[in-house]
Amino acid sequence: MKRKEVKQLLKNRTRDDIIIKEHITVDRAFRQIPEILIIENILNPANLIRIKDEEAKRLNHYKFSLWFKISGNKTLKLIIELNKKVHIITAVMIKEKWQRKVLKWKR
């Protein structure tokens, strides 16, 4: 699915449509990601910079990895599953400096 289509799917959602999985609440606190940051980026996906289709385990569900630009050196990666609701499966804050080091090391 294209970024434009995913943005439109997300824009049509409300706060009540967003379900944050229980394990995310614990991880989010450890990773210092405010819940409001996740919700705002889902409801207003203007900062969406990259999308990767994932394989959904359920029929009529769509699963995506989404990257949102938060600041000059931070990107929020969310793994979500869409059906009637938006299920947040994973949330990770990526620091660009570390990402570059990891990619350099992999080469």
C-alpha atoms as a PDB file:
ATOM      1  CA  MET A   1       0.000   0.000   0.000  1.00  0.00           C
ATOM      2  CA  LYS A   2       1.283   3.472  -0.802  1.00  0.00           C
ATOM      3  CA  ARG A   3       2.117   6.129   1.784  1.00  0.00           C
ATOM      4  CA  LYS A   4      -0.692   8.386   0.562  1.00  0.00           C
ATOM      5  CA  GLU A   5      -3.268   5.609   1.048  1.00  0.00           C
ATOM      6  CA  VAL A   6      -2.011   4.761   4.534  1.00  0.00           C
ATOM      7  CA  LYS A   7      -2.063   8.435   5.531  1.00  0.00           C
ATOM      8  CA  GLN A   8      -5.683   8.644   4.425  1.00  0.00           C
ATOM      9  CA  LEU A   9      -6.598   5.504   6.389  1.00  0.00           C
ATOM     10  CA  LEU A  10      -5.004   6.977   9.509  1.00  0.00           C
ATOM     11  CA  LYS A  11      -6.563  10.432   9.106  1.00  0.00           C
ATOM     12  CA  ASN A  12     -10.033   8.891   9.165  1.00  0.00           C
ATOM     13  CA  ARG A  13      -9.463   7.478  12.668  1.00  0.00           C
ATOM     14  CA  THR A  14     -10.383   8.920  16.043  1.00  0.00           C
ATOM     15  CA  ARG A  15      -8.747   8.560  19.460  1.00  0.00           C
ATOM     16  CA  ASP A  16     -11.243   5.815  20.312  1.00  0.00           C
ATOM     17  CA  ASP A  17     -10.007   3.784  17.321  1.00  0.00           C
ATOM     18  CA  ILE A  18      -6.458   3.543  18.723  1.00  0.00           C
ATOM     19  CA  ILE A  19      -5.619   0.563  20.902  1.00  0.00           C
ATOM     20  CA  ILE A  20      -2.209   0.451  22.545  1.00  0.00           C
ATOM     21  CA  LYS A  21      -1.258  -3.088  23.478  1.00  0.00           C
ATOM     22  CA  GLU A  22      -0.585  -3.754  27.162  1.00  0.00           C
ATOM     23  CA  HIS A  23       3.102  -4.615  26.734  1.00  0.00           C
ATOM     24  CA  ILE A  24       3.634  -1.314  24.918  1.00  0.00           C
ATOM     25  CA  THR A  25       2.675   0.606  28.048  1.00  0.00           C
ATOM     26  CA  VAL A  26       5.594  -0.940  29.941  1.00  0.00           C
ATOM     27  CA  ASP A  27       8.030  -0.618  27.015  1.00  0.00           C
ATOM     28  CA  ARG A  28       6.917   2.955  26.338  1.00  0.00           C
ATOM     29  CA  ALA A  29       7.791   4.022  29.864  1.00  0.00           C
ATOM     30  CA  PHE A  30      11.202   2.333  29.639  1.00  0.00           C
ATOM     31  CA  ARG A  31      11.914   3.847  26.224  1.00  0.00           C
ATOM     32  CA  GLN A  32      10.583   7.267  27.302  1.00  0.00           C
ATOM     33  CA  ILE A  33       7.998   7.599  24.541  1.00  0.00           C
ATOM     34  CA  PRO A  34       4.970   9.661  25.618  1.00  0.00           C
ATOM     35  CA  GLU A  35       1.622   8.097  24.720  1.00  0.00           C
ATOM     36  CA  ILE A  36       0.422  11.415  23.327  1.00  0.00           C
ATOM     37  CA  LEU A  37       3.310  11.376  20.817  1.00  0.00           C
ATOM     38  CA  ILE A  38       2.142   8.017  19.469  1.00  0.00           C
ATOM     39  CA  ILE A  39      -1.501   9.104  19.296  1.00  0.00           C
ATOM     40  CA  GLU A  40      -0.765  12.464  17.640  1.00  0.00           C
ATOM     41  CA  ASN A  41       1.339  10.862  14.920  1.00  0.00           C
ATOM     42  CA  ILE A  42      -1.328   8.265  14.167  1.00  0.00           C
ATOM     43  CA  LEU A  43      -4.158  10.813  13.997  1.00  0.00           C
ATOM     44  CA  ASN A  44      -2.091  13.379  12.077  1.00  0.00           C
ATOM     45  CA  PRO A  45       0.429  11.480   9.930  1.00  0.00           C
ATOM     46  CA  ALA A  46       2.032  14.571   8.373  1.00  0.00           C
ATOM     47  CA  ASN A  47       5.475  13.480   9.626  1.00  0.00           C
ATOM     48  CA  LEU A  48       5.198   9.994   8.122  1.00  0.00           C
ATOM     49  CA  ILE A  49       8.410   9.434   6.160  1.00  0.00           C
ATOM     50  CA  ARG A  50       8.479   5.707   5.430  1.00  0.00           C
ATOM     51  CA  ILE A  51       6.136   2.713   5.260  1.00  0.00           C
ATOM     52  CA  LYS A  52       6.863  -0.967   5.037  1.00  0.00           C
ATOM     53  CA  ASP A  53       4.119  -3.535   4.462  1.00  0.00           C
ATOM     54  CA  GLU A  54       4.263  -6.437   6.896  1.00  0.00           C
ATOM     55  CA  GLU A  55       2.494  -9.760   6.797  1.00  0.00           C
ATOM     56  CA  ALA A  56      -0.699  -9.669   8.852  1.00  0.00           C
ATOM     57  CA  LYS A  57      -1.604 -12.876  10.656  1.00  0.00           C
ATOM     58  CA  ARG A  58      -5.340 -12.271  10.428  1.00  0.00           C
ATOM     59  CA  LEU A  59      -7.628 -12.087   7.448  1.00  0.00           C
ATOM     60  CA  ASN A  60      -8.795  -8.571   6.452  1.00  0.00           C
ATOM     61  CA  HIS A  61      -6.082  -6.931   8.559  1.00  0.00           C
ATOM     62  CA  TYR A  62      -3.233  -4.763   7.327  1.00  0.00           C
ATOM     63  CA  LYS A  63       0.086  -4.590   9.144  1.00  0.00           C
ATOM     64  CA  PHE A  64       2.651  -1.838   8.642  1.00  0.00           C
ATOM     65  CA  SER A  65       5.920  -0.527   9.987  1.00  0.00           C
ATOM     66  CA  LEU A  66       5.686   3.259  10.038  1.00  0.00           C
ATOM     67  CA  TRP A  67       8.496   5.778  10.576  1.00  0.00           C
ATOM     68  CA  PHE A  68       7.653   9.309  11.756  1.00  0.00           C
ATOM     69  CA  LYS A  69      10.232  12.117  11.807  1.00  0.00           C
ATOM     70  CA  ILE A  70      10.117  13.603  15.310  1.00  0.00           C
ATOM     71  CA  SER A  71      13.103  15.955  15.223  1.00  0.00           C
ATOM     72  CA  GLY A  72      16.391  16.431  13.403  1.00  0.00           C
ATOM     73  CA  ASN A  73      17.890  13.346  15.000  1.00  0.00           C
ATOM     74  CA  LYS A  74      14.923  11.262  16.206  1.00  0.00           C
ATOM     75  CA  THR A  75      12.516   8.996  14.368  1.00  0.00           C
ATOM     76  CA  LEU A  76       9.570   7.146  15.894  1.00  0.00           C
ATOM     77  CA  LYS A  77       9.008   3.651  14.507  1.00  0.00           C
ATOM     78  CA  LEU A  78       5.582   2.127  15.042  1.00  0.00           C
ATOM     79  CA  ILE A  79       4.376  -1.293  14.041  1.00  0.00           C
ATOM     80  CA  ILE A  80       0.615  -1.190  13.691  1.00  0.00           C
ATOM     81  CA  GLU A  81      -2.192  -3.454  12.587  1.00  0.00           C
ATOM     82  CA  LEU A  82      -5.255  -1.936  10.931  1.00  0.00           C
ATOM     83  CA  ASN A  83      -8.752  -3.285  10.708  1.00  0.00           C
ATOM     84  CA  LYS A  84     -11.676  -1.423  12.277  1.00  0.00           C
ATOM     85  CA  LYS A  85      -9.238  -0.201  14.942  1.00  0.00           C
ATOM     86  CA  VAL A  86      -5.561   0.774  14.939  1.00  0.00           C
ATOM     87  CA  HIS A  87      -3.596  -1.641  17.108  1.00  0.00           C
ATOM     88  CA  ILE A  88      -0.180  -0.342  18.165  1.00  0.00           C
ATOM     89  CA  ILE A  89       2.048  -3.402  18.432  1.00  0.00           C
ATOM     90  CA  THR A  90       5.489  -1.836  18.887  1.00  0.00           C
ATOM     91  CA  ALA A  91       6.884   1.648  19.476  1.00  0.00           C
ATOM     92  CA  VAL A  92      10.603   2.460  19.288  1.00  0.00           C
ATOM     93  CA  MET A  93      12.403   5.793  19.233  1.00  0.00           C
ATOM     94  CA  ILE A  94      15.390   5.648  16.883  1.00  0.00           C
ATOM     95  CA  LYS A  95      18.253   8.088  17.261  1.00  0.00           C
ATOM     96  CA  GLU A  96      19.823   8.806  13.877  1.00  0.00           C
ATOM     97  CA  LYS A  97      23.379   8.849  15.236  1.00  0.00           C
ATOM     98  CA  TRP A  98      23.024   5.308  16.558  1.00  0.00           C
ATOM     99  CA  GLN A  99      21.260   4.160  13.416  1.00  0.00           C
ATOM    100  CA  ARG A 100      24.157   5.351  11.257  1.00  0.00           C
ATOM    101  CA  LYS A 101      26.632   3.523  13.491  1.00  0.00           C
ATOM    102  CA  VAL A 102      24.657   0.297  13.261  1.00  0.00           C
ATOM    103  CA  LEU A 103      24.370   0.518   9.482  1.00  0.00           C
ATOM    104  CA  LYS A 104      28.086   1.269   9.170  1.00  0.00           C
ATOM    105  CA  TRP A 105      28.912  -1.740  11.346  1.00  0.00           C
ATOM    106  CA  LYS A 106      26.687  -4.052   9.254  1.00  0.00           C
ATOM    107  CA  ARG A 107      28.635  -3.288   6.054  1.00  0.00           C
END
